[in-house]
């Protein structure tokens, strides 16, 4: 049997224990609740301290809003763009280590020579300027033909047919009768009448020399070539002025090349071209562009460039195919790697690398492509750096950030000033010159504290080597580079 006092003691101890545990639980709960509650408050404070530039819809990043809310384009809340998310001075800022992992590769915008690089296909055609027409000078009958046929190749003076012309018999008889009178005036008048009837001076001389009528005349080709048409047959009657044959010369032929409409501006009348034909592998034929035909082929969107080629031995036959390489001439241009240009269909962009790992999209106007290089007509300046690999990732990041591309009109102003080389000018005498270097005996150059001396300079372009020759006095401008002085300008000095 348990004692009552003992039970009361147990009840008191249990109540005390429960009170202690309840107190500990309440204190722990207060401590935990305080800790959890303070963290969001700190985060909210940090967010409030960040400067918001604007709000945007990630699906339409180019549209900006000045206050938060729901996107008018998508069923989602606008996202803030914080000032610390944009690189200093604008652009997308990428850590150099991340850029290396992305395979970002830079290239310098530079001035260089861009060959035309235009290749087209063509077909050899007859030279339509070298066509001779054989006509009957008077009405008559075909007495004999010489076995010619269309497409025969004949030499100049080759006989085609013998014609009997009755009208000429009477006129020649009268001429011989007048000639026997000895009256020079009448003889001259009769001779002129024979000429007006269509007789050649050679035929008149033969009649006068032989004293006999010659009313059968042999019709011959006035020039050599291929017989295009032949309308004379044995026994037929011909009328005065009727066309008997057409002969197309073969000494020179045309090569009609189909030039894409988009590249038509690269073709110039008078430029030299090279043609290669499958019929003669390994052999090149040189010709000259004589005309660019005014009509465009609507189906293929090509223009026809007419090239004239010499045809020694008649090897080039109309109908042959050829591959034509235009130009070969090069011109100075602002160049970037073709892979650096992002073509959207509406415009062309490049990613310009700035200091501090920043990248800015820039709109450019592109020209010709050749040899993996693209000509930049506007939008960049020499010396700027562009992204040649990894630019699509950077462009996507710039689009998500809502960055506007640098317009062409504002492009490269600072870069041009920074990239402009410092030129030192002087005068001197050319001692030796080659396409890559020139040796000059020049005057003192005070800006560099150089005395008058003879030294070698590199030439920035082989074109400069054509401006002077050994012994000429020249004015020149050069730039100091880590590789040594480089002549950028040179011309013959004006006598003083």
Protein backbone atom coordinates (compact mmCIF):
# COMPACT_ATOMS: atom_id res chain seq x y z
CA UNK A 1 0.00 0.00 0.00
CA UNK A 2 1.36 3.36 -0.98
CA UNK A 3 1.55 6.14 1.46
CA UNK A 4 -0.56 9.30 0.65
CA UNK A 5 2.31 11.61 1.33
CA UNK A 6 4.41 9.77 -1.18
CA UNK A 7 1.79 10.29 -3.92
CA UNK A 8 1.49 13.97 -3.27
CA UNK A 9 5.27 14.31 -3.55
CA UNK A 10 5.26 12.59 -6.95
CA UNK A 11 2.47 14.87 -8.25
CA UNK A 12 4.32 17.97 -7.16
CA UNK A 13 7.56 16.80 -8.82
CA UNK A 14 5.73 16.05 -12.11
CA UNK A 15 4.07 19.47 -12.19
CA UNK A 16 7.38 21.20 -11.58
CA UNK A 17 9.04 19.21 -14.37
CA UNK A 18 6.24 20.10 -16.83
CA UNK A 19 6.52 23.79 -15.96
CA UNK A 20 10.26 23.75 -16.60
CA UNK A 21 9.84 22.01 -19.95
CA UNK A 22 7.09 24.42 -20.99
CA UNK A 23 9.30 27.36 -20.15
CA UNK A 24 12.21 25.99 -22.15
CA UNK A 25 10.01 25.30 -25.16
CA UNK A 26 8.54 28.79 -25.12
CA UNK A 27 12.02 30.35 -24.92
CA UNK A 28 13.35 28.21 -27.74
CA UNK A 29 10.35 29.05 -29.89
CA UNK A 30 10.85 32.76 -29.28
CA UNK A 31 14.54 32.47 -30.20
CA UNK A 32 13.88 30.47 -33.42
CA UNK A 33 11.04 32.72 -34.51
CA UNK A 34 13.20 35.75 -34.02
CA UNK A 35 16.01 34.27 -36.12
CA UNK A 36 13.77 33.32 -39.01
CA UNK A 37 11.95 36.58 -38.99
CA UNK A 38 15.09 38.67 -39.10
CA UNK A 39 16.57 37.05 -42.27
CA UNK A 40 13.80 38.10 -44.72
CA UNK A 41 13.88 41.54 -43.24
CA UNK A 42 17.61 41.77 -43.99
CA UNK A 43 17.11 40.49 -47.55
CA UNK A 44 14.32 42.94 -48.18
CA UNK A 45 16.54 45.77 -46.96
CA UNK A 46 19.34 44.68 -49.28
CA UNK A 47 16.92 44.58 -52.24
CA UNK A 48 15.58 47.99 -51.39
CA UNK A 49 19.10 49.40 -51.40
CA UNK A 50 19.84 48.20 -54.98
CA UNK A 51 19.13 50.78 -57.65
CA UNK A 52 16.54 49.68 -60.21
CA UNK A 53 17.13 51.08 -63.69
CA UNK A 54 13.89 49.80 -65.20
CA UNK A 55 11.54 46.83 -65.36
CA UNK A 56 11.21 44.55 -68.37
CA UNK A 57 9.58 41.40 -69.69
CA UNK A 58 12.25 38.73 -70.28
CA UNK A 59 10.28 37.61 -73.33
CA UNK A 60 10.34 41.16 -74.80
CA UNK A 61 13.60 42.56 -73.37
CA UNK A 62 13.75 45.64 -75.58
CA UNK A 63 10.57 47.07 -74.07
CA UNK A 64 11.25 48.92 -70.80
CA UNK A 65 8.89 50.10 -68.05
CA UNK A 66 9.43 52.66 -65.30
CA UNK A 67 7.47 50.82 -62.59
CA UNK A 68 6.73 47.20 -61.60
CA UNK A 69 3.57 45.41 -62.56
CA UNK A 70 2.23 42.80 -64.89
CA UNK A 71 3.62 42.45 -68.40
CA UNK A 72 1.25 43.61 -71.13
CA UNK A 73 2.73 40.91 -73.40
CA UNK A 74 2.79 37.79 -71.19
CA UNK A 75 0.91 36.60 -68.08
CA UNK A 76 3.86 37.29 -65.76
CA UNK A 77 5.32 39.96 -63.52
CA UNK A 78 7.88 42.43 -64.85
CA UNK A 79 11.48 41.80 -63.78
CA UNK A 80 13.67 44.61 -62.39
CA UNK A 81 16.97 45.44 -64.01
CA UNK A 82 19.41 46.57 -61.32
CA UNK A 83 22.20 49.05 -61.92
CA UNK A 84 24.82 46.62 -60.59
CA UNK A 85 23.81 44.07 -63.25
CA UNK A 86 25.02 46.35 -66.07
CA UNK A 87 28.74 46.79 -66.66
CA UNK A 88 30.21 50.20 -66.02
CA UNK A 89 29.86 52.30 -69.16
CA UNK A 90 27.13 50.02 -70.56
CA UNK A 91 27.29 46.63 -72.23
CA UNK A 92 27.35 43.08 -71.03
CA UNK A 93 30.06 42.41 -68.45
CA UNK A 94 31.58 38.93 -68.38
CA UNK A 95 34.26 37.71 -66.01
CA UNK A 96 37.50 36.98 -67.94
CA UNK A 97 37.55 33.41 -66.63
CA UNK A 98 34.00 32.87 -67.88
CA UNK A 99 34.91 34.40 -71.25
CA UNK A 100 37.75 31.94 -71.57
CA UNK A 101 35.47 29.02 -70.73
CA UNK A 102 32.98 30.24 -73.33
CA UNK A 103 35.71 30.27 -75.96
CA UNK A 104 35.40 34.01 -76.63
CA UNK A 105 38.00 35.02 -79.21
CA UNK A 106 38.71 38.62 -80.23
CA UNK A 107 39.83 40.08 -83.54
CA UNK A 108 41.04 43.56 -84.39
CA UNK A 109 39.28 45.70 -86.98
CA UNK A 110 42.00 46.51 -89.49
CA UNK A 111 42.52 48.03 -92.90
CA UNK A 112 43.60 45.58 -95.56
CA UNK A 113 43.25 44.56 -99.19
CA UNK A 114 40.15 42.68 -100.24
CA UNK A 115 40.27 40.86 -103.59
CA UNK A 116 37.13 40.79 -105.66
CA UNK A 117 36.81 37.05 -105.27
CA UNK A 118 33.98 36.93 -107.84
CA UNK A 119 33.66 33.70 -109.82
CA UNK A 120 30.90 33.06 -112.34
CA UNK A 121 29.99 30.57 -115.03
CA UNK A 122 29.73 31.46 -118.70
CA UNK A 123 29.09 30.11 -122.17
CA UNK A 124 31.18 30.75 -125.29
CA UNK A 125 29.14 32.48 -128.03
CA UNK A 126 29.76 33.81 -131.54
CA UNK A 127 31.09 37.32 -131.87
CA UNK A 128 28.05 38.99 -133.38
CA UNK A 129 30.11 42.02 -134.38
CA UNK A 130 32.07 39.87 -136.84
CA UNK A 131 29.30 38.83 -139.25
CA UNK A 132 29.56 39.15 -143.05
CA UNK A 133 26.44 39.03 -145.26
CA UNK A 134 26.73 37.82 -148.88
CA UNK A 135 24.02 39.24 -151.19
CA UNK A 136 23.23 39.06 -154.92
CA UNK A 137 24.20 42.33 -156.59
CA UNK A 138 21.74 41.76 -159.44
CA UNK A 139 19.01 39.34 -160.49
CA UNK A 140 20.23 36.11 -162.06
CA UNK A 141 20.39 32.31 -162.05
CA UNK A 142 22.54 29.92 -160.05
CA UNK A 143 24.65 27.93 -162.48
CA UNK A 144 26.88 26.14 -160.03
CA UNK A 145 27.37 25.66 -156.27
CA UNK A 146 30.56 24.61 -154.52
CA UNK A 147 29.27 22.05 -152.04
CA UNK A 148 29.11 24.35 -149.03
CA UNK A 149 26.78 23.75 -146.08
CA UNK A 150 25.83 25.62 -142.90
CA UNK A 151 28.41 25.27 -140.08
CA UNK A 152 31.26 24.79 -142.59
CA UNK A 153 34.37 26.75 -141.68
CA UNK A 154 35.73 28.60 -144.71
CA UNK A 155 38.57 30.99 -145.43
CA UNK A 156 38.19 34.50 -146.83
CA UNK A 157 37.48 34.42 -150.57
CA UNK A 158 36.06 30.90 -150.58
CA UNK A 159 33.65 30.37 -153.56
CA UNK A 160 29.99 29.78 -152.82
CA UNK A 161 28.21 29.80 -156.20
CA UNK A 162 28.43 30.93 -159.86
CA UNK A 163 25.64 33.31 -160.92
CA UNK A 164 24.57 34.06 -164.50
CA UNK A 165 23.41 37.69 -164.65
CA UNK A 166 21.86 38.55 -168.06
CA UNK A 167 21.58 42.26 -167.32
CA UNK A 168 25.32 42.55 -167.01
CA UNK A 169 25.91 41.03 -170.47
CA UNK A 170 24.23 43.94 -172.30
CA UNK A 171 25.92 46.60 -170.17
CA UNK A 172 29.35 45.07 -170.69
CA UNK A 173 28.77 44.83 -174.47
CA UNK A 174 27.91 48.54 -174.63
CA UNK A 175 31.01 49.35 -172.60
CA UNK A 176 33.26 47.44 -175.01
CA UNK A 177 31.63 49.20 -177.98
CA UNK A 178 32.15 52.64 -176.43
CA UNK A 179 35.71 51.72 -175.55
CA UNK A 180 36.45 51.07 -179.25
CA UNK A 181 35.45 54.68 -180.06
CA UNK A 182 38.36 56.04 -178.05
CA UNK A 183 36.20 58.79 -176.51
CA UNK A 184 37.54 59.03 -172.95
CA UNK A 185 34.48 60.85 -171.63
CA UNK A 186 32.11 58.21 -173.00
CA UNK A 187 34.39 55.41 -171.79
CA UNK A 188 34.45 56.90 -168.28
CA UNK A 189 30.66 57.23 -168.25
CA UNK A 190 30.20 53.63 -169.45
CA UNK A 191 32.61 52.37 -166.78
CA UNK A 192 30.67 54.24 -164.08
CA UNK A 193 27.45 52.62 -165.33
CA UNK A 194 28.96 49.16 -164.84
CA UNK A 195 29.96 50.09 -161.31
CA UNK A 196 26.43 51.30 -160.52
CA UNK A 197 25.01 48.00 -161.74
CA UNK A 198 26.98 46.27 -158.96
CA UNK A 199 30.05 45.02 -160.77
CA UNK A 200 33.27 44.98 -158.77
CA UNK A 201 36.33 46.95 -159.93
CA UNK A 202 38.12 43.61 -160.45
CA UNK A 203 35.37 42.34 -162.81
CA UNK A 204 35.33 45.62 -164.80
CA UNK A 205 39.11 45.46 -165.17
CA UNK A 206 38.89 41.84 -166.37
CA UNK A 207 36.27 42.77 -169.02
CA UNK A 208 38.35 45.72 -170.17
CA UNK A 209 41.51 43.62 -170.29
CA UNK A 210 40.03 40.64 -172.14
CA UNK A 211 37.62 42.56 -174.36
CA UNK A 212 34.97 39.91 -173.77
CA UNK A 213 31.66 39.91 -171.89
CA UNK A 214 31.77 38.20 -168.51
CA UNK A 215 28.19 37.79 -167.28
CA UNK A 216 28.92 34.75 -165.07
CA UNK A 217 30.33 35.82 -161.71
CA UNK A 218 31.57 33.70 -158.80
CA UNK A 219 30.18 34.76 -155.43
CA UNK A 220 32.81 34.42 -152.67
CA UNK A 221 32.98 34.96 -148.90
CA UNK A 222 34.31 38.40 -147.91
CA UNK A 223 35.85 37.04 -144.71
CA UNK A 224 36.75 33.75 -143.07
CA UNK A 225 34.67 31.99 -140.45
CA UNK A 226 31.72 29.66 -140.08
CA UNK A 227 28.80 29.67 -142.50
CA UNK A 228 25.79 30.46 -140.31
CA UNK A 229 23.18 30.43 -143.11
CA UNK A 230 23.35 29.36 -146.74
CA UNK A 231 20.37 30.09 -149.03
CA UNK A 232 21.78 29.32 -152.46
CA UNK A 233 21.13 26.08 -154.36
CA UNK A 234 21.90 24.92 -157.88
CA UNK A 235 19.37 26.08 -160.50
CA UNK A 236 17.55 28.59 -158.34
CA UNK A 237 16.69 32.16 -159.35
CA UNK A 238 17.94 35.01 -157.18
CA UNK A 239 16.79 38.59 -156.96
CA UNK A 240 18.91 41.69 -156.53
CA UNK A 241 19.64 42.24 -152.85
CA UNK A 242 18.71 38.68 -151.82
CA UNK A 243 20.84 37.25 -149.00
CA UNK A 244 22.77 34.21 -150.17
CA UNK A 245 24.82 33.45 -147.06
CA UNK A 246 26.00 34.73 -143.64
CA UNK A 247 29.52 34.08 -142.39
CA UNK A 248 30.44 34.54 -138.71
CA UNK A 249 34.11 35.18 -137.96
CA UNK A 250 35.91 33.00 -135.41
CA UNK A 251 39.08 34.99 -134.76
CA UNK A 252 37.52 36.38 -131.56
CA UNK A 253 34.59 34.98 -129.58
CA UNK A 254 32.33 36.20 -126.78
CA UNK A 255 32.12 34.61 -123.36
CA UNK A 256 28.81 35.55 -121.73
CA UNK A 257 29.17 35.18 -117.95
CA UNK A 258 26.18 35.11 -115.57
CA UNK A 259 26.98 37.46 -112.67
CA UNK A 260 24.70 37.34 -109.60
CA UNK A 261 22.72 40.54 -109.25
CA UNK A 262 23.99 41.07 -105.71
CA UNK A 263 27.60 41.09 -106.98
CA UNK A 264 27.09 43.08 -110.16
CA UNK A 265 28.79 46.15 -108.67
CA UNK A 266 32.09 44.25 -108.60
CA UNK A 267 32.26 43.94 -112.39
CA UNK A 268 33.77 46.78 -114.43
CA UNK A 269 33.90 47.26 -118.19
CA UNK A 270 37.51 46.99 -119.32
CA UNK A 271 38.73 44.78 -116.49
CA UNK A 272 40.76 41.67 -117.24
CA UNK A 273 39.34 38.24 -116.45
CA UNK A 274 40.62 34.66 -116.51
CA UNK A 275 38.57 31.82 -117.93
CA UNK A 276 39.08 28.09 -117.59
CA UNK A 277 37.23 25.48 -119.64
CA UNK A 278 36.64 21.79 -118.91
CA UNK A 279 37.72 21.12 -122.50
CA UNK A 280 41.24 22.37 -121.73
CA UNK A 281 42.05 21.48 -118.09
CA UNK A 282 44.93 23.36 -116.52
CA UNK A 283 44.88 26.06 -119.20
CA UNK A 284 43.73 29.65 -118.60
CA UNK A 285 42.39 32.06 -121.22
CA UNK A 286 42.63 35.81 -120.65
CA UNK A 287 39.99 38.23 -121.89
CA UNK A 288 38.46 41.61 -121.26
CA UNK A 289 34.98 42.68 -120.23
CA UNK A 290 33.60 44.67 -123.17
CA UNK A 291 30.02 45.20 -121.98
CA UNK A 292 27.55 44.55 -119.17
CA UNK A 293 24.23 43.88 -120.84
CA UNK A 294 21.38 46.11 -119.63
CA UNK A 295 18.81 43.37 -119.07
CA UNK A 296 18.61 41.13 -115.99
CA UNK A 297 17.58 37.49 -116.22
CA UNK A 298 14.47 37.44 -114.02
CA UNK A 299 14.52 33.68 -113.41
CA UNK A 300 18.13 33.46 -112.18
CA UNK A 301 18.54 37.10 -111.02
CA UNK A 302 21.80 37.44 -112.93
CA UNK A 303 23.37 40.02 -115.21
CA UNK A 304 25.34 39.09 -118.30
CA UNK A 305 28.92 40.28 -118.57
CA UNK A 306 30.21 40.05 -122.15
CA UNK A 307 33.88 39.08 -122.35
CA UNK A 308 35.88 39.06 -125.57
CA UNK A 309 38.50 36.33 -126.01
CA UNK A 310 41.07 35.72 -128.72
CA UNK A 311 40.42 32.40 -130.45
CA UNK A 312 43.70 31.29 -131.92
CA UNK A 313 43.27 28.13 -133.97
CA UNK A 314 39.52 28.15 -133.43
CA UNK A 315 39.85 26.14 -130.21
CA UNK A 316 37.08 28.03 -128.41
CA UNK A 317 33.85 26.77 -129.88
CA UNK A 318 30.47 28.38 -129.26
CA UNK A 319 28.48 26.42 -126.70
CA UNK A 320 31.44 25.51 -124.48
CA UNK A 321 31.09 26.14 -120.74
CA UNK A 322 33.67 28.13 -118.79
CA UNK A 323 34.43 29.29 -115.25
CA UNK A 324 35.27 32.98 -115.10
CA UNK A 325 37.37 34.68 -112.40
CA UNK A 326 36.86 38.43 -112.38
CA UNK A 327 39.24 41.12 -111.39
CA UNK A 328 42.16 39.90 -109.39
CA UNK A 329 42.46 43.55 -108.44
CA UNK A 330 42.28 44.42 -104.77
CA UNK A 331 41.25 47.56 -102.96
CA UNK A 332 41.77 48.92 -99.47
CA UNK A 333 38.92 48.22 -97.06
CA UNK A 334 38.07 48.01 -93.36
CA UNK A 335 37.97 44.28 -92.59
CA UNK A 336 36.72 41.93 -89.88
CA UNK A 337 36.53 38.13 -89.87
CA UNK A 338 33.33 37.06 -91.60
CA UNK A 339 32.44 34.86 -88.62
CA UNK A 340 32.28 37.96 -86.39
CA UNK A 341 29.25 39.35 -88.24
CA UNK A 342 25.81 38.39 -86.91
CA UNK A 343 23.28 38.66 -89.73
CA UNK A 344 19.71 38.86 -88.48
CA UNK A 345 18.12 39.38 -91.88
CA UNK A 346 17.06 42.90 -90.96
CA UNK A 347 20.52 44.19 -90.04
CA UNK A 348 24.08 43.09 -89.31
CA UNK A 349 25.64 43.26 -85.84
CA UNK A 350 29.01 42.69 -84.22
CA UNK A 351 29.92 42.46 -80.54
CA UNK A 352 32.53 45.12 -79.71
CA UNK A 353 34.89 44.35 -76.83
CA UNK A 354 35.43 47.16 -74.34
CA UNK A 355 37.70 47.55 -71.30
CA UNK A 356 36.84 45.66 -68.13
CA UNK A 357 35.37 42.62 -69.84
CA UNK A 358 32.43 44.54 -71.29
CA UNK A 359 30.84 43.74 -74.66
CA UNK A 360 28.56 46.08 -76.59
CA UNK A 361 26.45 45.15 -79.63
CA UNK A 362 27.05 47.47 -82.59
CA UNK A 363 25.16 47.74 -85.85
CA UNK A 364 27.34 47.70 -88.98
CA UNK A 365 26.94 48.11 -92.71
CA UNK A 366 28.72 45.30 -94.52
CA UNK A 367 30.11 45.17 -98.04
CA UNK A 368 31.84 42.35 -99.91
CA UNK A 369 33.03 38.98 -98.54
CA UNK A 370 36.22 37.31 -99.73
CA UNK A 371 38.82 35.03 -98.23
CA UNK A 372 37.05 34.75 -94.86
CA UNK A 373 37.01 38.55 -94.46
CA UNK A 374 34.03 40.92 -94.60
CA UNK A 375 34.24 44.56 -95.66
CA UNK A 376 32.78 47.04 -93.16
CA UNK A 377 31.39 50.13 -94.86
CA UNK A 378 30.15 51.85 -91.69
CA UNK A 379 29.74 51.15 -87.98
CA UNK A 380 33.32 50.36 -86.89
CA UNK A 381 36.69 52.04 -86.77
CA UNK A 382 40.15 50.60 -87.32
CA UNK A 383 41.66 49.39 -84.05
CA UNK A 384 38.44 48.35 -82.34
CA UNK A 385 38.14 44.80 -81.03
CA UNK A 386 35.26 42.56 -82.07
CA UNK A 387 34.25 39.10 -80.90
CA UNK A 388 35.04 36.49 -83.55
CA UNK A 389 33.94 33.42 -81.57
CA UNK A 390 31.22 33.15 -78.94
CA UNK A 391 29.46 36.29 -80.15
CA UNK A 392 26.05 34.61 -80.39
CA UNK A 393 26.03 33.85 -76.66
CA UNK A 394 26.99 37.43 -75.88
CA UNK A 395 24.37 38.78 -78.27
CA UNK A 396 21.71 36.65 -76.58
CA UNK A 397 22.80 37.97 -73.18
CA UNK A 398 22.66 41.53 -74.48
CA UNK A 399 19.15 40.94 -75.83
CA UNK A 400 17.99 39.53 -72.48
CA UNK A 401 19.53 42.54 -70.75
CA UNK A 402 17.59 44.83 -73.10
CA UNK A 403 20.71 46.53 -74.44
CA UNK A 404 20.25 48.67 -77.53
CA UNK A 405 22.79 48.15 -80.33
CA UNK A 406 25.16 51.02 -80.98
CA UNK A 407 23.82 52.85 -84.04
CA UNK A 408 25.95 53.24 -87.14
CA UNK A 409 25.92 57.04 -86.94
CA UNK A 410 27.56 57.01 -83.48
CA UNK A 411 29.91 54.13 -84.12
CA UNK A 412 33.54 54.23 -83.23
CA UNK A 413 33.99 57.93 -82.54
CA UNK A 414 36.26 57.35 -79.57
CA UNK A 415 37.86 54.32 -81.15
CA UNK A 416 38.79 56.28 -84.25
CA UNK A 417 40.48 58.94 -82.17
CA UNK A 418 42.30 56.34 -80.11
CA UNK A 419 43.24 54.24 -83.11
CA UNK A 420 44.51 57.14 -85.20
CA UNK A 421 48.29 56.65 -85.42
CA UNK A 422 50.74 59.43 -84.64
CA UNK A 423 52.47 60.25 -87.91
CA UNK A 424 55.87 61.90 -88.13
CA UNK A 425 56.57 63.73 -91.39
CA UNK A 426 59.84 64.43 -93.14
CA UNK A 427 61.54 64.58 -96.52
CA UNK A 428 64.30 62.46 -97.96
CA UNK A 429 65.94 60.73 -100.89
CA UNK A 430 65.08 57.16 -101.94
CA UNK A 431 68.22 55.03 -101.83
CA UNK A 432 66.54 51.66 -102.33
CA UNK A 433 62.91 50.54 -102.62
CA UNK A 434 60.96 47.27 -102.78
CA UNK A 435 57.30 46.32 -102.32
CA UNK A 436 57.86 45.85 -98.57
CA UNK A 437 60.51 48.40 -97.56
CA UNK A 438 62.29 51.59 -98.53
CA UNK A 439 65.70 52.97 -97.55
CA UNK A 440 65.67 56.77 -97.15
CA UNK A 441 68.32 59.40 -96.54
CA UNK A 442 66.02 61.72 -94.58
CA UNK A 443 66.20 65.15 -93.02
CA UNK A 444 66.35 65.61 -89.22
CA UNK A 445 63.13 64.76 -87.33
CA UNK A 446 63.00 67.08 -84.27
CA UNK A 447 59.93 65.41 -82.73
CA UNK A 448 61.91 62.18 -82.24
CA UNK A 449 65.28 63.93 -81.80
CA UNK A 450 66.60 62.09 -84.86
CA UNK A 451 69.46 63.65 -86.83
CA UNK A 452 69.67 63.42 -90.62
CA UNK A 453 70.61 59.85 -91.50
CA UNK A 454 70.01 56.93 -93.84
CA UNK A 455 67.78 54.14 -92.56
CA UNK A 456 65.28 51.50 -93.69
CA UNK A 457 61.53 51.78 -93.20
CA UNK A 458 58.81 49.20 -93.69
CA UNK A 459 56.02 50.07 -96.15
CA UNK A 460 52.44 49.81 -94.92
CA UNK A 461 51.26 48.85 -98.41
CA UNK A 462 52.99 47.63 -101.60
CA UNK A 463 51.11 50.39 -103.41
CA UNK A 464 53.45 52.93 -101.82
CA UNK A 465 56.37 51.37 -103.70
CA UNK A 466 54.84 52.58 -106.96
CA UNK A 467 54.89 56.21 -105.85
CA UNK A 468 58.64 56.68 -106.23
CA UNK A 469 61.84 55.14 -107.55
CA UNK A 470 65.47 55.12 -106.54
CA UNK A 471 66.95 58.62 -106.55
CA UNK A 472 63.63 60.50 -106.11
CA UNK A 473 63.16 63.15 -103.45
CA UNK A 474 60.03 62.28 -101.49
CA UNK A 475 57.81 63.58 -98.70
CA UNK A 476 56.80 60.80 -96.34
CA UNK A 477 54.95 60.16 -93.08
CA UNK A 478 55.68 57.21 -90.81
CA UNK A 479 54.41 55.69 -87.59
CA UNK A 480 56.53 54.33 -84.76
CA UNK A 481 55.42 50.75 -84.02
CA UNK A 482 56.89 48.04 -81.75
CA UNK A 483 58.20 46.37 -84.93
CA UNK A 484 59.91 49.57 -86.08
CA UNK A 485 58.99 52.63 -88.16
CA UNK A 486 56.34 52.02 -90.84
CA UNK A 487 55.77 54.45 -93.75
CA UNK A 488 52.06 55.21 -94.14
CA UNK A 489 52.27 57.96 -96.77
CA UNK A 490 54.84 58.74 -99.45
CA UNK A 491 54.83 60.94 -102.55
CA UNK A 492 57.32 62.74 -104.72
CA UNK A 493 58.46 65.98 -103.14
CA UNK A 494 57.48 69.21 -104.86
CA UNK A 495 60.55 71.17 -105.98
CA UNK A 496 61.12 74.34 -103.92
